[in-house]
């Protein structure tokens, strides 16, 4: 289990909650996280999840991810870690932050 105490993702989750935005997260290093008394569990990235996702937000650049598959199954991605730097052709509109 990774130490996430200083992770900016915690603030992002809080903001999403404040705006009542439905979201799920995946992190192979963090199976669950408790924020403000609410437990969130890491979801498997599968085709159903990708198909039902409006926007992907990349906040970690784990080498375990199949970035090509992910980027070809989402329409929009905010990439805060330049994780998709080696993806040359994709259907997704990628925004680098």
Protein backbone atom coordinates (compact mmCIF):
# COMPACT_ATOMS: atom_id res chain seq x y z
CA UNK A 1 0.00 0.00 0.00
CA UNK A 2 1.38 3.39 -0.98
CA UNK A 3 1.46 6.41 1.27
CA UNK A 4 -1.12 8.78 -0.21
CA UNK A 5 -1.30 11.37 2.58
CA UNK A 6 0.22 14.12 0.42
CA UNK A 7 -1.39 13.04 -2.85
CA UNK A 8 -3.17 15.78 -4.82
CA UNK A 9 -5.72 13.14 -5.79
CA UNK A 10 -7.27 13.48 -2.34
CA UNK A 11 -8.12 17.11 -3.10
CA UNK A 12 -9.49 16.14 -6.50
CA UNK A 13 -11.78 13.54 -4.93
CA UNK A 14 -13.01 16.10 -2.40
CA UNK A 15 -13.77 18.57 -5.19
CA UNK A 16 -15.63 15.95 -7.21
CA UNK A 17 -17.70 15.13 -4.12
CA UNK A 18 -18.48 18.79 -3.48
CA UNK A 19 -19.80 19.10 -7.04
CA UNK A 20 -21.75 15.81 -6.81
CA UNK A 21 -19.81 14.35 -9.74
CA UNK A 22 -19.93 10.58 -10.02
CA UNK A 23 -16.49 9.07 -10.42
CA UNK A 24 -14.49 5.94 -9.91
CA UNK A 25 -10.78 5.50 -9.51
CA UNK A 26 -8.17 2.90 -10.23
CA UNK A 27 -4.76 2.59 -8.66
CA UNK A 28 -2.99 -0.77 -8.48
CA UNK A 29 -1.03 0.51 -5.49
CA UNK A 30 -4.02 1.79 -3.48
CA UNK A 31 -6.92 -0.64 -3.19
CA UNK A 32 -9.10 1.73 -1.17
CA UNK A 33 -9.05 5.17 0.35
CA UNK A 34 -11.14 6.76 3.09
CA UNK A 35 -11.91 10.44 2.56
CA UNK A 36 -14.09 12.35 4.97
CA UNK A 37 -15.51 9.11 6.33
CA UNK A 38 -16.40 7.68 2.92
CA UNK A 39 -14.63 4.61 1.61
CA UNK A 40 -13.69 4.42 -2.08
CA UNK A 41 -12.48 1.19 -3.66
CA UNK A 42 -10.22 0.97 -6.67
CA UNK A 43 -12.18 -0.22 -9.71
CA UNK A 44 -10.85 -2.55 -12.39
CA UNK A 45 -10.21 -0.85 -15.68
CA UNK A 46 -12.19 -2.94 -18.11
CA UNK A 47 -14.03 -2.19 -21.33
CA UNK A 48 -17.35 -1.61 -19.53
CA UNK A 49 -15.80 0.96 -17.22
CA UNK A 50 -14.08 2.73 -20.11
CA UNK A 51 -17.24 2.68 -22.23
CA UNK A 52 -19.22 4.33 -19.44
CA UNK A 53 -16.60 6.96 -18.61
CA UNK A 54 -17.04 10.50 -19.91
CA UNK A 55 -13.58 11.70 -18.97
CA UNK A 56 -10.39 10.00 -17.85
CA UNK A 57 -8.06 11.80 -15.47
CA UNK A 58 -4.50 10.50 -15.26
CA UNK A 59 -2.76 11.45 -12.03
CA UNK A 60 -0.17 8.65 -11.89
CA UNK A 61 2.08 7.19 -14.55
CA UNK A 62 2.20 3.53 -13.54
CA UNK A 63 3.89 1.32 -16.12
CA UNK A 64 1.32 -1.42 -15.46
CA UNK A 65 -1.35 0.43 -17.45
CA UNK A 66 -2.05 -0.32 -21.10
CA UNK A 67 -2.13 3.34 -22.10
CA UNK A 68 -2.85 2.58 -25.75
CA UNK A 69 -5.93 0.53 -24.90
CA UNK A 70 -7.15 3.10 -22.39
CA UNK A 71 -6.67 6.03 -24.76
CA UNK A 72 -8.44 4.22 -27.58
CA UNK A 73 -11.48 3.52 -25.39
CA UNK A 74 -12.05 6.97 -23.92
CA UNK A 75 -13.18 10.12 -25.69
CA UNK A 76 -11.52 12.67 -23.41
CA UNK A 77 -8.49 12.44 -21.15
CA UNK A 78 -6.79 14.96 -18.86
CA UNK A 79 -3.21 13.74 -18.56
CA UNK A 80 -1.51 15.44 -15.62
CA UNK A 81 1.57 13.18 -15.74
CA UNK A 82 2.36 13.05 -19.47
CA UNK A 83 1.64 9.33 -19.27
CA UNK A 84 0.43 9.29 -22.88
CA UNK A 85 3.63 10.84 -24.27
CA UNK A 86 4.40 7.74 -26.35
CA UNK A 87 0.89 7.32 -27.76
CA UNK A 88 1.04 8.52 -31.36
CA UNK A 89 -2.42 7.63 -32.61
CA UNK A 90 -5.56 7.54 -30.50
CA UNK A 91 -9.25 8.33 -30.75
CA UNK A 92 -9.21 10.29 -27.48
CA UNK A 93 -8.91 14.03 -27.26
CA UNK A 94 -6.01 14.45 -24.84
CA UNK A 95 -5.54 17.52 -22.69
CA UNK A 96 -2.17 17.84 -20.99
CA UNK A 97 -2.17 19.66 -17.68
